[in-house]
Protein backbone atom coordinates (compact mmCIF):
# COMPACT_ATOMS: atom_id res chain seq x y z
CA MET A 1 -19.05 -37.83 26.14
CA GLU A 2 -17.58 -40.96 27.71
CA GLY A 3 -18.59 -39.83 31.23
CA TYR A 4 -22.10 -39.07 30.00
CA GLU A 5 -22.50 -42.54 28.46
CA ARG A 6 -21.15 -44.16 31.61
CA ALA A 7 -23.67 -42.19 33.71
CA ARG A 8 -26.51 -43.29 31.42
CA SER A 9 -25.42 -46.93 31.58
CA SER A 10 -25.23 -46.77 35.38
CA ALA A 11 -28.72 -45.25 35.51
CA GLU A 12 -30.11 -48.04 33.32
CA GLN A 13 -28.47 -50.70 35.49
CA ALA A 14 -30.02 -49.12 38.59
CA VAL A 15 -33.47 -49.13 36.97
CA VAL A 16 -33.15 -52.77 35.90
CA ARG A 17 -32.08 -53.78 39.43
CA ARG A 18 -34.96 -51.94 41.09
CA SER A 19 -37.98 -52.49 38.83
CA LYS A 20 -40.40 -55.37 38.41
CA VAL A 21 -43.10 -56.28 35.86
CA PHE A 22 -46.52 -57.43 37.08
CA ASN A 23 -48.54 -59.19 34.37
CA ASP A 24 -52.33 -58.79 34.21
CA PHE A 25 -52.30 -55.70 36.44
CA PRO A 26 -54.37 -53.54 36.81
CA SER A 27 -56.41 -55.61 34.33
CA LYS A 28 -55.99 -58.77 32.28
CA GLY A 29 -53.59 -58.39 29.37
CA VAL A 30 -51.81 -55.37 30.85
CA SER A 31 -48.19 -55.55 31.99
CA PHE A 32 -47.50 -53.06 34.79
CA LEU A 33 -43.93 -51.92 35.34
CA ASP A 34 -43.39 -51.08 39.01
CA ILE A 35 -40.45 -48.74 39.64
CA THR A 36 -41.30 -47.95 43.27
CA PRO A 37 -38.47 -50.20 44.59
CA LEU A 38 -36.08 -47.72 42.92
CA PHE A 39 -37.24 -45.03 45.36
CA LEU A 40 -36.35 -47.27 48.31
CA ASN A 41 -32.67 -47.41 47.41
CA TYR A 42 -31.10 -43.98 47.84
CA GLN A 43 -27.91 -44.85 45.92
CA ASP A 44 -29.64 -46.26 42.84
CA PHE A 45 -32.22 -43.45 42.83
CA ASP A 46 -29.41 -40.91 43.07
CA VAL A 47 -27.58 -42.55 40.13
CA LEU A 48 -30.68 -41.97 37.99
CA LEU A 49 -31.18 -38.41 39.21
CA SER A 50 -27.51 -37.52 38.72
CA TYR A 51 -27.65 -38.72 35.11
CA TRP A 52 -30.72 -36.59 34.42
CA GLN A 53 -29.10 -33.65 36.21
CA GLN A 54 -26.16 -33.93 33.83
CA LYS A 55 -28.33 -34.39 30.72
CA PHE A 56 -30.82 -31.61 31.49
CA GLN A 57 -28.62 -28.99 33.14
CA ASP A 58 -30.08 -26.25 30.89
CA VAL A 59 -33.69 -26.89 31.99
CA GLU A 60 -35.42 -23.97 33.75
CA LEU A 61 -38.61 -25.69 34.91
CA VAL A 62 -39.63 -29.29 35.65
CA VAL A 63 -43.18 -30.63 35.20
CA GLY A 64 -44.28 -33.79 37.04
CA LEU A 65 -47.22 -36.04 36.19
CA GLU A 66 -49.42 -37.52 38.89
CA ALA A 67 -48.44 -39.67 40.73
CA ARG A 68 -44.95 -41.21 40.46
CA GLY A 69 -43.94 -38.38 38.14
CA PHE A 70 -44.34 -36.07 41.15
CA ILE A 71 -41.59 -37.92 43.01
CA LEU A 72 -39.24 -37.93 40.03
CA ALA A 73 -39.92 -34.31 39.01
CA THR A 74 -39.48 -32.94 42.51
CA ALA A 75 -36.22 -34.83 43.01
CA ILE A 76 -34.84 -33.68 39.63
CA ALA A 77 -35.94 -30.09 40.28
CA GLN A 78 -34.07 -30.15 43.59
CA LYS A 79 -30.93 -31.47 41.88
CA LEU A 80 -31.22 -28.75 39.22
CA GLN A 81 -32.25 -26.11 41.78
CA LYS A 82 -35.31 -25.25 39.67
CA GLY A 83 -39.04 -24.97 40.24
CA VAL A 84 -41.58 -27.72 39.67
CA VAL A 85 -45.13 -27.69 38.26
CA LEU A 86 -47.50 -30.57 39.02
CA LEU A 87 -50.04 -31.87 36.49
CA ARG A 88 -52.97 -33.35 38.41
CA LYS A 89 -55.83 -35.67 37.67
CA LYS A 90 -59.20 -34.01 37.08
CA GLY A 91 -60.75 -32.15 40.00
CA LYS A 92 -57.68 -31.88 42.24
CA LEU A 93 -56.46 -28.35 41.43
CA PRO A 94 -58.01 -25.11 42.72
CA GLY A 95 -58.68 -22.10 40.53
CA THR A 96 -59.17 -21.93 36.79
CA VAL A 97 -57.66 -24.94 35.05
CA LEU A 98 -56.93 -26.18 31.56
CA SER A 99 -57.63 -29.85 30.90
CA GLU A 100 -56.73 -32.58 28.44
CA THR A 101 -58.35 -36.01 28.13
CA TYR A 102 -56.19 -38.92 27.04
CA SER A 103 -56.31 -42.65 26.41
CA LYS A 104 -53.98 -45.00 28.15
CA GLU A 105 -53.28 -48.70 28.07
CA TYR A 106 -56.31 -49.57 30.20
CA GLY A 107 -58.78 -46.70 29.89
CA LYS A 108 -59.22 -42.93 29.67
CA ASP A 109 -58.19 -40.21 32.07
CA GLU A 110 -57.84 -36.43 32.27
CA PHE A 111 -55.03 -34.14 33.38
CA GLU A 112 -55.33 -30.53 34.51
CA ILE A 113 -52.95 -27.62 34.95
CA GLN A 114 -53.67 -24.27 36.57
CA GLU A 115 -54.23 -21.77 33.77
CA ASP A 116 -52.00 -19.09 35.29
CA ILE A 117 -49.27 -21.34 36.73
CA PHE A 118 -46.52 -19.82 34.59
CA SER A 119 -47.32 -16.31 35.84
CA HIS A 120 -46.20 -17.09 39.40
CA ALA A 121 -42.45 -16.91 38.79
CA PRO A 122 -40.13 -14.98 36.49
CA LEU A 123 -39.23 -17.17 33.53
CA PRO A 124 -36.41 -16.73 31.00
CA LYS A 125 -37.16 -15.69 27.43
CA ASN A 126 -36.20 -19.05 25.87
CA LEU A 127 -37.76 -21.41 28.39
CA HIS A 128 -36.64 -25.06 28.51
CA ILE A 129 -39.19 -27.29 30.24
CA LEU A 130 -38.66 -30.91 31.27
CA VAL A 131 -41.78 -33.09 31.54
CA VAL A 132 -41.18 -36.14 33.76
CA ASP A 133 -43.09 -39.40 34.17
CA ASP A 134 -42.28 -42.89 35.34
CA VAL A 135 -43.29 -45.21 32.47
CA LEU A 136 -44.08 -44.55 28.81
CA ALA A 137 -46.67 -47.01 27.50
CA THR A 138 -49.07 -45.90 24.73
CA GLY A 139 -47.89 -42.28 24.77
CA GLY A 140 -51.30 -40.90 25.74
CA THR A 141 -50.19 -39.55 29.09
CA LEU A 142 -47.12 -37.74 27.76
CA CYS A 143 -49.00 -36.39 24.72
CA ALA A 144 -51.70 -34.96 27.01
CA SER A 145 -49.10 -33.43 29.32
CA ILE A 146 -47.20 -31.83 26.44
CA GLU A 147 -50.47 -30.44 25.08
CA LEU A 148 -51.44 -29.04 28.48
CA VAL A 149 -48.05 -27.39 28.99
CA LYS A 150 -48.33 -25.81 25.52
CA LYS A 151 -51.86 -24.55 26.29
CA ALA A 152 -50.72 -22.99 29.57
CA LEU A 153 -47.71 -21.39 27.89
CA ALA A 154 -50.00 -19.89 25.23
CA LYS A 155 -52.43 -18.58 27.89
CA ASN A 156 -49.49 -16.83 29.55
CA ASN A 157 -48.23 -15.48 26.20
CA ILE A 158 -44.98 -17.49 26.36
CA LYS A 159 -43.98 -18.21 22.77
CA GLN A 160 -40.31 -19.17 22.90
CA TYR A 161 -39.80 -22.49 24.60
CA LYS A 162 -38.40 -25.98 24.23
CA ILE A 163 -39.98 -29.10 25.76
CA SER A 164 -38.02 -32.21 26.65
CA THR A 165 -39.40 -35.31 28.33
CA CYS A 166 -37.86 -38.11 30.35
CA VAL A 167 -39.17 -41.40 31.66
CA VAL A 168 -37.61 -44.19 33.65
CA SER A 169 -38.89 -46.99 31.38
CA SER A 170 -40.76 -47.51 28.15
CA ILE A 171 -42.83 -50.49 27.01
CA LYS A 172 -41.48 -50.72 23.47
CA CYS A 173 -44.22 -52.93 21.97
CA LEU A 174 -46.84 -50.23 22.68
CA SER A 175 -44.98 -47.71 20.45
CA GLY A 176 -45.61 -44.74 22.73
CA LYS A 177 -42.36 -43.03 21.77
CA GLU A 178 -43.23 -43.21 18.08
CA LYS A 179 -46.74 -41.83 18.72
CA ILE A 180 -45.30 -38.83 20.54
CA TYR A 181 -42.79 -38.13 17.76
CA GLU A 182 -45.62 -38.32 15.18
CA LYS A 183 -47.55 -35.62 17.04
CA TYR A 184 -44.64 -33.54 18.39
CA ASN A 185 -41.52 -33.63 16.23
CA ASP A 186 -39.98 -30.80 18.28
CA VAL A 187 -40.00 -32.69 21.61
CA SER A 188 -37.15 -34.91 22.80
CA ILE A 189 -37.76 -38.09 24.81
CA ASP A 190 -35.14 -39.61 27.09
CA VAL A 191 -35.90 -43.21 28.06
CA ILE A 192 -33.56 -44.91 30.52
CA HIS A 193 -34.71 -48.50 29.94
CA GLU A 194 -36.95 -50.13 27.32
CA ILE A 195 -38.73 -53.39 28.01
């Protein structure tokens, strides 16, 4: 366990070094946490990914949320040698889709997933899915993504699964983590750094 805690601590230090808060962006009263500098530094980005690789080694499928979640999910999936599913904003996926509207810190939005996405690859009986995003604020984005994944699993008659989530940072005062736990007590949330 000592190595695991050391890896987590190193990941948090990397995130703190490479992230920046912009106040009143994208609108007045909103604090925007920018983690894109983390992607510029291969070593710090790899420290984060290696920690998640260690923590989620039993995951069979990674789900990324548009847009920075795509970068994180794809990188983690490569480390784990697993497939990745992308949740997109409304109107960007071909074929039949399932959708979920959600509220966020500064408005409303909608995510979509292809209805048959889980039919494109053989999946194990007890599927462990990791949903990845960059920042957890109000919890609306993660709640919508969890709901969409569950809808798609049901459409594909997949009944035995576990969902975990991970984010780089969480804005603690917005209580997003608590809101997710209220709605989904069977989902774990790994937050590297809380501000």
